[in-house]
Amino acid sequence: MNVLSLFDGMSCGQIALRNIGIEVDKYFACEIDKYAMEITQHNFPNTIQLGDVTKVKASDLPKIDLVIGGSPCQGFSFNGKQLNFNDPRSALFFEFERLVKEINPKYFFLENVKMKQEYEDVISEHMGVRPIKINSSLLSAQNRERLYWTNIPNIEVPRDKGIMLRDILEPDHEKTPPLTPILDEWQPQVSINYIQWDKNQTGHKSQHNRAYYERAKHGALTCGSSPKVIPFSYFGGLQYRKLTMVEAERLQTVPDNYTNCVSDVRRIHALGNGWTVDVIAHCFKNIEI
């Protein structure tokens, strides 16, 4: 089986294929982030890197059975400026469409964020299928709603495994980061899943000022995340600690230390831009070779 992965990042699709036992003959990856590529090549040294997706032509490739990708989401995200296809990064979706039409693979698989219905409809019209919506919270300790457009048959929403933050924390707490108090002059706002604090009640709602309870789900990792947890024994003390890099990898169901060949800042960036591997594996299990 030959695979072409567009916007490959740190190659979460390759992890998913390996996890479900699908053997890949050649795996071609389009990526321009050198740190994401470094993570990929460290774990999958046989990956064939093609670089800029806009310069890839089907005529230069062998027969491809599966085309996958998660085109940049900045123009669609509710957290962004809602530039949709006017954002040149999100307009790269049309490169995915172009290559799928040129290659005509047996299967295609496209991922993107939850977005306005009008944007979703445009992508659906171009791809010829409606997306299936799956929240990573069903298979991980992270809330992360995503849309998947694919012709892989019979994909159903997975059953909830009930995984919470406490299930992915490292057992050796002596090696975890120290606890940090939420400063008195910062006004905590308590919810059922997390504590949000806001200095002088300015109304700033950044997830950087949010710590999640052990018994809850974490928010969606982003490339600028600083993931935090409130350990169970400290619920009353308003103290938190940052998650370790291994714990952040577990939020995305990536193997422990998969990203440890680059700095922590680059690890979080790659993880935030990546896929929740177990969700992708769930979708890929219906591929027939």
C-alpha atoms as a PDB file:
ATOM      1  CA  MET A   1       0.000   0.000   0.000  1.00  0.00           C
ATOM      2  CA  ASN A   2       1.329   3.446  -0.980  1.00  0.00           C
ATOM      3  CA  VAL A   3       0.255   6.499   1.017  1.00  0.00           C
ATOM      4  CA  LEU A   4       0.460  10.221   0.288  1.00  0.00           C
ATOM      5  CA  SER A   5       0.088  12.400   3.381  1.00  0.00           C
ATOM      6  CA  LEU A   6      -0.452  16.112   2.754  1.00  0.00           C
ATOM      7  CA  PHE A   7       0.299  18.580   5.574  1.00  0.00           C
ATOM      8  CA  ASP A   8       1.818  15.536   7.274  1.00  0.00           C
ATOM      9  CA  GLY A   9       3.109  17.284  10.403  1.00  0.00           C
ATOM     10  CA  MET A  10       4.727  14.720  12.692  1.00  0.00           C
ATOM     11  CA  SER A  11       3.082  11.839  10.780  1.00  0.00           C
ATOM     12  CA  CYS A  12       0.242  10.857  13.114  1.00  0.00           C
ATOM     13  CA  GLY A  13      -1.394   9.083  10.181  1.00  0.00           C
ATOM     14  CA  GLN A  14       1.626   6.811   9.912  1.00  0.00           C
ATOM     15  CA  ILE A  15       1.365   5.958  13.617  1.00  0.00           C
ATOM     16  CA  ALA A  16      -2.331   5.103  13.170  1.00  0.00           C
ATOM     17  CA  LEU A  17      -1.633   2.808  10.211  1.00  0.00           C
ATOM     18  CA  ARG A  18       1.096   1.032  12.170  1.00  0.00           C
ATOM     19  CA  ASN A  19      -1.147   0.675  15.219  1.00  0.00           C
ATOM     20  CA  ILE A  20      -3.800  -1.230  13.264  1.00  0.00           C
ATOM     21  CA  GLY A  21      -1.293  -3.389  11.400  1.00  0.00           C
ATOM     22  CA  ILE A  22      -1.556  -1.921   7.899  1.00  0.00           C
ATOM     23  CA  GLU A  23       1.791  -2.344   6.160  1.00  0.00           C
ATOM     24  CA  VAL A  24       2.897   0.598   4.064  1.00  0.00           C
ATOM     25  CA  ASP A  25       5.213   0.097   1.085  1.00  0.00           C
ATOM     26  CA  LYS A  26       5.956   3.768   0.472  1.00  0.00           C
ATOM     27  CA  TYR A  27       4.836   6.716   2.585  1.00  0.00           C
ATOM     28  CA  PHE A  28       5.160  10.099   0.902  1.00  0.00           C
ATOM     29  CA  ALA A  29       4.819  13.189   3.093  1.00  0.00           C
ATOM     30  CA  CYS A  30       4.291  16.845   2.216  1.00  0.00           C
ATOM     31  CA  GLU A  31       5.485  19.078   5.028  1.00  0.00           C
ATOM     32  CA  ILE A  32       7.512  22.291   5.391  1.00  0.00           C
ATOM     33  CA  ASP A  33       7.938  22.530   9.203  1.00  0.00           C
ATOM     34  CA  LYS A  34      11.498  21.300   9.767  1.00  0.00           C
ATOM     35  CA  TYR A  35      10.858  20.304  13.397  1.00  0.00           C
ATOM     36  CA  ALA A  36       7.765  18.256  12.547  1.00  0.00           C
ATOM     37  CA  MET A  37       9.795  16.597   9.789  1.00  0.00           C
ATOM     38  CA  GLU A  38      12.593  15.890  12.266  1.00  0.00           C
ATOM     39  CA  ILE A  39      10.126  14.085  14.548  1.00  0.00           C
ATOM     40  CA  THR A  40       8.792  12.080  11.605  1.00  0.00           C
ATOM     41  CA  GLN A  41      12.199  11.017  10.328  1.00  0.00           C
ATOM     42  CA  HIS A  42      13.338  10.127  13.859  1.00  0.00           C
ATOM     43  CA  ASN A  43      10.438   7.675  14.181  1.00  0.00           C
ATOM     44  CA  PHE A  44       9.867   6.687  10.551  1.00  0.00           C
ATOM     45  CA  PRO A  45      13.206   7.091   8.762  1.00  0.00           C
ATOM     46  CA  ASN A  46      11.881   5.591   5.512  1.00  0.00           C
ATOM     47  CA  THR A  47       9.375   8.425   5.056  1.00  0.00           C
ATOM     48  CA  ILE A  48       9.826  10.128   1.675  1.00  0.00           C
ATOM     49  CA  GLN A  49       9.585  13.876   2.242  1.00  0.00           C
ATOM     50  CA  LEU A  50       8.280  15.874  -0.733  1.00  0.00           C
ATOM     51  CA  GLY A  51       8.211  19.368   0.786  1.00  0.00           C
ATOM     52  CA  ASP A  52       5.765  22.015  -0.450  1.00  0.00           C
ATOM     53  CA  VAL A  53       2.396  20.516  -1.390  1.00  0.00           C
ATOM     54  CA  THR A  54       1.859  23.073  -4.161  1.00  0.00           C
ATOM     55  CA  LYS A  55       4.835  21.658  -6.064  1.00  0.00           C
ATOM     56  CA  VAL A  56       3.710  18.012  -5.969  1.00  0.00           C
ATOM     57  CA  LYS A  57       2.286  16.453  -9.135  1.00  0.00           C
ATOM     58  CA  ALA A  58       0.536  13.114  -9.429  1.00  0.00           C
ATOM     59  CA  SER A  59       2.611  12.332 -12.513  1.00  0.00           C
ATOM     60  CA  ASP A  60       5.752  12.280 -10.364  1.00  0.00           C
ATOM     61  CA  LEU A  61       4.372   9.620  -7.999  1.00  0.00           C
ATOM     62  CA  PRO A  62       3.736   5.878  -8.239  1.00  0.00           C
ATOM     63  CA  LYS A  63       0.226   4.511  -7.791  1.00  0.00           C
ATOM     64  CA  ILE A  64      -1.166   5.903  -4.529  1.00  0.00           C
ATOM     65  CA  ASP A  65      -3.822   3.931  -2.629  1.00  0.00           C
ATOM     66  CA  LEU A  66      -4.572   6.386   0.186  1.00  0.00           C
ATOM     67  CA  VAL A  67      -4.372  10.189   0.306  1.00  0.00           C
ATOM     68  CA  ILE A  68      -4.698  11.724   3.775  1.00  0.00           C
ATOM     69  CA  GLY A  69      -4.292  15.188   5.239  1.00  0.00           C
ATOM     70  CA  GLY A  70      -5.418  17.851   7.651  1.00  0.00           C
ATOM     71  CA  SER A  71      -5.252  21.119   5.727  1.00  0.00           C
ATOM     72  CA  PRO A  72      -4.450  24.228   7.818  1.00  0.00           C
ATOM     73  CA  CYS A  73      -7.445  25.329   9.877  1.00  0.00           C
ATOM     74  CA  GLN A  74      -6.670  28.934  10.812  1.00  0.00           C
ATOM     75  CA  GLY A  75      -9.226  30.419   8.414  1.00  0.00           C
ATOM     76  CA  PHE A  76     -12.033  28.187   9.686  1.00  0.00           C
ATOM     77  CA  SER A  77     -11.428  28.028  13.433  1.00  0.00           C
ATOM     78  CA  PHE A  78     -13.902  29.825  15.684  1.00  0.00           C
ATOM     79  CA  ASN A  79     -10.837  31.074  17.589  1.00  0.00           C
ATOM     80  CA  GLY A  80      -9.467  32.810  14.495  1.00  0.00           C
ATOM     81  CA  LYS A  81     -10.491  35.735  12.299  1.00  0.00           C
ATOM     82  CA  GLN A  82     -12.926  33.647  10.210  1.00  0.00           C
ATOM     83  CA  LEU A  83     -11.195  34.483   6.924  1.00  0.00           C
ATOM     84  CA  ASN A  84     -12.214  31.051   5.592  1.00  0.00           C
ATOM     85  CA  PHE A  85     -10.801  30.421   2.102  1.00  0.00           C
ATOM     86  CA  ASN A  86      -9.425  33.971   1.948  1.00  0.00           C
ATOM     87  CA  ASP A  87      -6.800  32.844   4.434  1.00  0.00           C
ATOM     88  CA  PRO A  88      -3.993  31.475   2.219  1.00  0.00           C
ATOM     89  CA  ARG A  89      -3.306  28.696   4.735  1.00  0.00           C
ATOM     90  CA  SER A  90      -6.874  27.381   4.681  1.00  0.00           C
ATOM     91  CA  ALA A  91      -7.020  27.807   0.907  1.00  0.00           C
ATOM     92  CA  LEU A  92      -4.474  24.973   0.788  1.00  0.00           C
ATOM     93  CA  PHE A  93      -7.516  22.703   1.050  1.00  0.00           C
ATOM     94  CA  PHE A  94      -7.778  23.091  -2.719  1.00  0.00           C
ATOM     95  CA  GLU A  95      -4.344  21.463  -3.070  1.00  0.00           C
ATOM     96  CA  PHE A  96      -5.758  18.434  -1.273  1.00  0.00           C
ATOM     97  CA  GLU A  97      -8.721  18.395  -3.653  1.00  0.00           C
ATOM     98  CA  ARG A  98      -6.422  18.826  -6.659  1.00  0.00           C
ATOM     99  CA  LEU A  99      -4.217  15.887  -5.779  1.00  0.00           C
ATOM    100  CA  VAL A 100      -7.128  13.609  -4.913  1.00  0.00           C
ATOM    101  CA  LYS A 101      -8.609  14.311  -8.350  1.00  0.00           C
ATOM    102  CA  GLU A 102      -5.269  13.874 -10.126  1.00  0.00           C
ATOM    103  CA  ILE A 103      -4.360  10.672  -8.296  1.00  0.00           C
ATOM    104  CA  ASN A 104      -7.831   9.099  -7.957  1.00  0.00           C
ATOM    105  CA  PRO A 105      -6.809   6.931  -4.988  1.00  0.00           C
ATOM    106  CA  LYS A 106      -8.920   4.120  -3.627  1.00  0.00           C
ATOM    107  CA  TYR A 107      -9.341   6.093  -0.386  1.00  0.00           C
ATOM    108  CA  PHE A 108      -9.043   9.693   0.757  1.00  0.00           C
ATOM    109  CA  PHE A 109      -9.245  11.097   4.275  1.00  0.00           C
ATOM    110  CA  LEU A 110      -9.422  14.812   5.134  1.00  0.00           C
ATOM    111  CA  GLU A 111      -9.488  16.309   8.637  1.00  0.00           C
ATOM    112  CA  ASN A 112     -10.336  19.827   9.796  1.00  0.00           C
ATOM    113  CA  VAL A 113     -11.783  21.740  12.730  1.00  0.00           C
ATOM    114  CA  LYS A 114     -15.428  22.266  13.553  1.00  0.00           C
ATOM    115  CA  MET A 115     -16.428  25.320  11.527  1.00  0.00           C
ATOM    116  CA  LYS A 116     -19.351  27.406  10.289  1.00  0.00           C
ATOM    117  CA  GLN A 117     -21.858  25.392   8.290  1.00  0.00           C
ATOM    118  CA  GLU A 118     -21.273  27.480   5.167  1.00  0.00           C
ATOM    119  CA  TYR A 119     -17.556  26.637   5.137  1.00  0.00           C
ATOM    120  CA  GLU A 120     -18.261  22.973   5.856  1.00  0.00           C
ATOM    121  CA  ASP A 121     -20.717  22.897   2.942  1.00  0.00           C
ATOM    122  CA  VAL A 122     -18.097  24.224   0.527  1.00  0.00           C
ATOM    123  CA  ILE A 123     -15.623  21.497   1.461  1.00  0.00           C
ATOM    124  CA  SER A 124     -18.355  18.843   1.298  1.00  0.00           C
ATOM    125  CA  GLU A 125     -19.375  19.980  -2.176  1.00  0.00           C
ATOM    126  CA  HIS A 126     -15.797  19.781  -3.439  1.00  0.00           C
ATOM    127  CA  MET A 127     -15.090  16.398  -1.816  1.00  0.00           C
ATOM    128  CA  GLY A 128     -18.452  14.855  -2.702  1.00  0.00           C
ATOM    129  CA  VAL A 129     -19.132  13.576   0.830  1.00  0.00           C
ATOM    130  CA  ARG A 130     -20.458  14.930   4.112  1.00  0.00           C
ATOM    131  CA  PRO A 131     -18.094  14.813   7.094  1.00  0.00           C
ATOM    132  CA  ILE A 132     -18.422  12.675  10.174  1.00  0.00           C
ATOM    133  CA  LYS A 133     -17.891  14.572  13.438  1.00  0.00           C
ATOM    134  CA  ILE A 134     -15.890  12.827  16.158  1.00  0.00           C
ATOM    135  CA  ASN A 135     -14.765  14.284  19.466  1.00  0.00           C
ATOM    136  CA  SER A 136     -11.398  12.951  20.585  1.00  0.00           C
ATOM    137  CA  SER A 137     -12.832  12.871  24.119  1.00  0.00           C
ATOM    138  CA  LEU A 138     -14.413   9.517  23.246  1.00  0.00           C
ATOM    139  CA  LEU A 139     -10.998   7.869  22.908  1.00  0.00           C
ATOM    140  CA  SER A 140      -8.695  10.158  24.887  1.00  0.00           C
ATOM    141  CA  ALA A 141      -8.510  12.557  27.830  1.00  0.00           C
ATOM    142  CA  GLN A 142      -8.891  15.575  25.538  1.00  0.00           C
ATOM    143  CA  ASN A 143     -11.915  17.469  24.234  1.00  0.00           C
ATOM    144  CA  ARG A 144     -11.183  17.976  20.541  1.00  0.00           C
ATOM    145  CA  GLU A 145     -14.054  18.081  18.048  1.00  0.00           C
ATOM    146  CA  ARG A 146     -12.977  17.465  14.469  1.00  0.00           C
ATOM    147  CA  LEU A 147     -14.622  16.859  11.095  1.00  0.00           C
ATOM    148  CA  TYR A 148     -13.539  14.018   8.801  1.00  0.00           C
ATOM    149  CA  TRP A 149     -14.388  13.831   5.097  1.00  0.00           C
ATOM    150  CA  THR A 150     -13.624  10.398   3.678  1.00  0.00           C
ATOM    151  CA  ASN A 151     -14.766   7.623   1.364  1.00  0.00           C
ATOM    152  CA  ILE A 152     -13.577   4.952   3.794  1.00  0.00           C
ATOM    153  CA  PRO A 153     -16.824   3.021   4.351  1.00  0.00           C
ATOM    154  CA  ASN A 154     -18.880   2.337   7.453  1.00  0.00           C
ATOM    155  CA  ILE A 155     -17.148   4.653   9.919  1.00  0.00           C
ATOM    156  CA  GLU A 156     -19.217   5.069  13.066  1.00  0.00           C
ATOM    157  CA  VAL A 157     -18.741   7.346  16.045  1.00  0.00           C
ATOM    158  CA  PRO A 158     -16.702   5.279  18.542  1.00  0.00           C
ATOM    159  CA  ARG A 159     -17.949   4.303  21.970  1.00  0.00           C
ATOM    160  CA  ASP A 160     -16.771   6.455  24.862  1.00  0.00           C
ATOM    161  CA  LYS A 161     -13.870   4.804  26.719  1.00  0.00           C
ATOM    162  CA  GLY A 162     -14.330   7.182  29.659  1.00  0.00           C
ATOM    163  CA  ILE A 163     -10.675   8.240  29.755  1.00  0.00           C
ATOM    164  CA  MET A 164      -9.974  11.173  32.089  1.00  0.00           C
ATOM    165  CA  LEU A 165      -6.863  13.209  32.839  1.00  0.00           C
ATOM    166  CA  ARG A 166      -6.038  11.048  35.863  1.00  0.00           C
ATOM    167  CA  ASP A 167      -5.713   8.056  33.506  1.00  0.00           C
ATOM    168  CA  ILE A 168      -2.858   9.579  31.526  1.00  0.00           C
ATOM    169  CA  LEU A 169      -0.786  11.138  34.322  1.00  0.00           C
ATOM    170  CA  GLU A 170       2.692   9.741  34.866  1.00  0.00           C
ATOM    171  CA  PRO A 171       2.838   7.570  38.009  1.00  0.00           C
ATOM    172  CA  ASP A 172       6.174   8.876  39.289  1.00  0.00           C
ATOM    173  CA  HIS A 173       5.118  12.283  40.607  1.00  0.00           C
ATOM    174  CA  GLU A 174       8.618  13.103  41.800  1.00  0.00           C
ATOM    175  CA  LYS A 175       9.558  13.631  38.168  1.00  0.00           C
ATOM    176  CA  THR A 176       6.602  15.858  37.344  1.00  0.00           C
ATOM    177  CA  PRO A 177       6.774  19.680  37.381  1.00  0.00           C
ATOM    178  CA  PRO A 178       6.286  21.400  40.755  1.00  0.00           C
ATOM    179  CA  LEU A 179       2.943  22.809  41.876  1.00  0.00           C
ATOM    180  CA  THR A 180       2.316  26.504  41.298  1.00  0.00           C
ATOM    181  CA  PRO A 181      -0.222  28.528  43.306  1.00  0.00           C
ATOM    182  CA  ILE A 182      -2.865  30.591  41.538  1.00  0.00           C
ATOM    183  CA  LEU A 183      -1.940  34.037  42.841  1.00  0.00           C
ATOM    184  CA  ASP A 184      -4.319  35.689  45.302  1.00  0.00           C
ATOM    185  CA  GLU A 185      -4.726  38.830  43.211  1.00  0.00           C
ATOM    186  CA  TRP A 186      -5.990  36.715  40.329  1.00  0.00           C
ATOM    187  CA  GLN A 187      -9.702  35.991  40.463  1.00  0.00           C
ATOM    188  CA  PRO A 188     -10.454  32.279  39.974  1.00  0.00           C
ATOM    189  CA  GLN A 189     -13.618  31.244  38.170  1.00  0.00           C
ATOM    190  CA  VAL A 190     -14.566  27.690  39.003  1.00  0.00           C
ATOM    191  CA  SER A 191     -16.358  25.399  36.562  1.00  0.00           C
ATOM    192  CA  ILE A 192     -17.134  21.692  36.652  1.00  0.00           C
ATOM    193  CA  ASN A 193     -14.079  20.801  34.561  1.00  0.00           C
ATOM    194  CA  TYR A 194     -11.465  23.474  35.206  1.00  0.00           C
ATOM    195  CA  ILE A 195     -10.425  26.620  37.054  1.00  0.00           C
ATOM    196  CA  GLN A 196     -10.035  29.737  34.929  1.00  0.00           C
ATOM    197  CA  TRP A 197      -8.189  32.620  36.520  1.00  0.00           C
ATOM    198  CA  ASP A 198      -8.277  36.204  35.377  1.00  0.00           C
ATOM    199  CA  LYS A 199      -5.993  38.902  36.759  1.00  0.00           C
ATOM    200  CA  ASN A 200      -8.057  41.847  38.047  1.00  0.00           C
ATOM    201  CA  GLN A 201     -11.133  40.369  36.327  1.00  0.00           C
ATOM    202  CA  THR A 202     -10.198  41.787  32.930  1.00  0.00           C
ATOM    203  CA  GLY A 203     -12.338  39.236  31.125  1.00  0.00           C
ATOM    204  CA  HIS A 204      -9.344  37.583  29.477  1.00  0.00           C
ATOM    205  CA  LYS A 205     -10.353  33.958  28.788  1.00  0.00           C
ATOM    206  CA  SER A 206      -7.108  32.539  27.415  1.00  0.00           C
ATOM    207  CA  GLN A 207      -6.634  28.811  27.925  1.00  0.00           C
ATOM    208  CA  HIS A 208      -3.132  29.694  29.116  1.00  0.00           C
ATOM    209  CA  ASN A 209      -4.868  30.735  32.363  1.00  0.00           C
ATOM    210  CA  ARG A 210      -6.780  27.505  32.784  1.00  0.00           C
ATOM    211  CA  ALA A 211      -6.052  24.346  34.764  1.00  0.00           C
ATOM    212  CA  TYR A 212      -8.147  21.189  34.450  1.00  0.00           C
ATOM    213  CA  TYR A 213      -9.221  18.831  37.214  1.00  0.00           C
ATOM    214  CA  GLU A 214      -7.763  15.338  37.300  1.00  0.00           C
ATOM    215  CA  ARG A 215     -11.236  13.824  37.070  1.00  0.00           C
ATOM    216  CA  ALA A 216     -12.121  15.858  33.943  1.00  0.00           C
ATOM    217  CA  LYS A 217     -11.082  16.113  30.293  1.00  0.00           C
ATOM    218  CA  HIS A 218      -8.401  18.527  29.177  1.00  0.00           C
ATOM    219  CA  GLY A 219      -9.153  21.162  26.555  1.00  0.00           C
ATOM    220  CA  ALA A 220      -7.930  20.788  22.995  1.00  0.00           C
ATOM    221  CA  LEU A 221      -4.187  21.047  22.623  1.00  0.00           C
ATOM    222  CA  THR A 222      -3.063  23.840  20.309  1.00  0.00           C
ATOM    223  CA  CYS A 223       0.368  24.620  18.928  1.00  0.00           C
ATOM    224  CA  GLY A 224       0.712  27.295  21.632  1.00  0.00           C
ATOM    225  CA  SER A 225      -0.743  25.272  24.493  1.00  0.00           C
ATOM    226  CA  SER A 226       0.633  25.174  28.020  1.00  0.00           C
ATOM    227  CA  PRO A 227      -1.378  22.194  29.308  1.00  0.00           C
ATOM    228  CA  LYS A 228      -2.087  22.166  33.056  1.00  0.00           C
ATOM    229  CA  VAL A 229      -3.733  19.923  35.638  1.00  0.00           C
ATOM    230  CA  ILE A 230      -4.928  20.323  39.230  1.00  0.00           C
ATOM    231  CA  PRO A 231      -3.876  17.145  41.078  1.00  0.00           C
ATOM    232  CA  PHE A 232      -6.669  15.516  43.062  1.00  0.00           C
ATOM    233  CA  SER A 233      -5.239  16.259  46.506  1.00  0.00           C
ATOM    234  CA  TYR A 234      -4.993  19.968  45.711  1.00  0.00           C
ATOM    235  CA  PHE A 235      -8.571  20.745  44.647  1.00  0.00           C
ATOM    236  CA  GLY A 236      -9.024  23.067  47.619  1.00  0.00           C
ATOM    237  CA  GLY A 237      -5.649  24.752  47.382  1.00  0.00           C
ATOM    238  CA  LEU A 238      -5.908  26.322  43.922  1.00  0.00           C
ATOM    239  CA  GLN A 239      -2.559  24.901  42.893  1.00  0.00           C
ATOM    240  CA  TYR A 240      -1.713  23.407  39.553  1.00  0.00           C
ATOM    241  CA  ARG A 241       1.200  21.969  37.625  1.00  0.00           C
ATOM    242  CA  LYS A 242       2.020  21.798  33.952  1.00  0.00           C
ATOM    243  CA  LEU A 243       1.590  18.465  32.278  1.00  0.00           C
ATOM    244  CA  THR A 244       4.790  16.694  31.331  1.00  0.00           C
ATOM    245  CA  MET A 245       5.600  16.250  27.652  1.00  0.00           C
ATOM    246  CA  VAL A 246       4.752  12.555  27.918  1.00  0.00           C
ATOM    247  CA  GLU A 247       1.347  13.442  29.385  1.00  0.00           C
ATOM    248  CA  ALA A 248       0.786  15.907  26.551  1.00  0.00           C
ATOM    249  CA  GLU A 249       1.626  13.143  24.076  1.00  0.00           C
ATOM    250  CA  ARG A 250      -0.902  10.895  25.798  1.00  0.00           C
ATOM    251  CA  LEU A 251      -3.605  13.541  25.295  1.00  0.00           C
ATOM    252  CA  GLN A 252      -3.104  12.978  21.568  1.00  0.00           C
ATOM    253  CA  THR A 253      -2.683   9.188  22.092  1.00  0.00           C
ATOM    254  CA  VAL A 254       0.818   9.454  20.637  1.00  0.00           C
ATOM    255  CA  PRO A 255       3.429   6.944  21.899  1.00  0.00           C
ATOM    256  CA  ASP A 256       5.404   8.078  24.946  1.00  0.00           C
ATOM    257  CA  ASN A 257       8.488  10.124  23.981  1.00  0.00           C
ATOM    258  CA  TYR A 258       7.562  10.081  20.286  1.00  0.00           C
ATOM    259  CA  THR A 259       8.449  13.798  20.079  1.00  0.00           C
ATOM    260  CA  ASN A 260      11.465  13.859  22.390  1.00  0.00           C
ATOM    261  CA  CYS A 261      13.992  14.519  19.608  1.00  0.00           C
ATOM    262  CA  VAL A 262      13.134  18.257  19.603  1.00  0.00           C
ATOM    263  CA  SER A 263      12.713  20.954  22.287  1.00  0.00           C
ATOM    264  CA  ASP A 264       9.626  21.091  24.512  1.00  0.00           C
ATOM    265  CA  VAL A 265       8.350  24.189  22.692  1.00  0.00           C
ATOM    266  CA  ARG A 266       8.586  22.363  19.363  1.00  0.00           C
ATOM    267  CA  ARG A 267       7.040  19.233  20.882  1.00  0.00           C
ATOM    268  CA  ILE A 268       3.903  21.109  21.950  1.00  0.00           C
ATOM    269  CA  HIS A 269       3.731  22.887  18.602  1.00  0.00           C
ATOM    270  CA  ALA A 270       3.850  19.569  16.742  1.00  0.00           C
ATOM    271  CA  LEU A 271       1.371  17.894  19.096  1.00  0.00           C
ATOM    272  CA  GLY A 272      -1.090  20.774  18.877  1.00  0.00           C
ATOM    273  CA  ASN A 273      -1.009  20.622  15.089  1.00  0.00           C
ATOM    274  CA  GLY A 274      -1.288  16.841  15.101  1.00  0.00           C
ATOM    275  CA  TRP A 275      -4.102  14.320  15.105  1.00  0.00           C
ATOM    276  CA  THR A 276      -5.504  12.227  17.944  1.00  0.00           C
ATOM    277  CA  VAL A 277      -3.990   8.960  16.770  1.00  0.00           C
ATOM    278  CA  ASP A 278      -6.601   6.605  18.227  1.00  0.00           C
ATOM    279  CA  VAL A 279      -9.397   8.463  16.407  1.00  0.00           C
ATOM    280  CA  ILE A 280      -7.535   8.150  13.102  1.00  0.00           C
ATOM    281  CA  ALA A 281      -6.846   4.463  13.741  1.00  0.00           C
ATOM    282  CA  HIS A 282     -10.564   3.972  14.454  1.00  0.00           C
ATOM    283  CA  CYS A 283     -11.384   5.466  11.041  1.00  0.00           C
ATOM    284  CA  PHE A 284      -8.620   3.605   9.185  1.00  0.00           C
ATOM    285  CA  LYS A 285      -9.607   0.169  10.489  1.00  0.00           C
ATOM    286  CA  ASN A 286     -12.244  -0.085   7.745  1.00  0.00           C
ATOM    287  CA  ILE A 287      -9.635   0.222   4.980  1.00  0.00           C
ATOM    288  CA  GLU A 288      -9.530  -2.879   2.826  1.00  0.00           C
ATOM    289  CA  ILE A 289      -6.186  -3.625   1.215  1.00  0.00           C
END
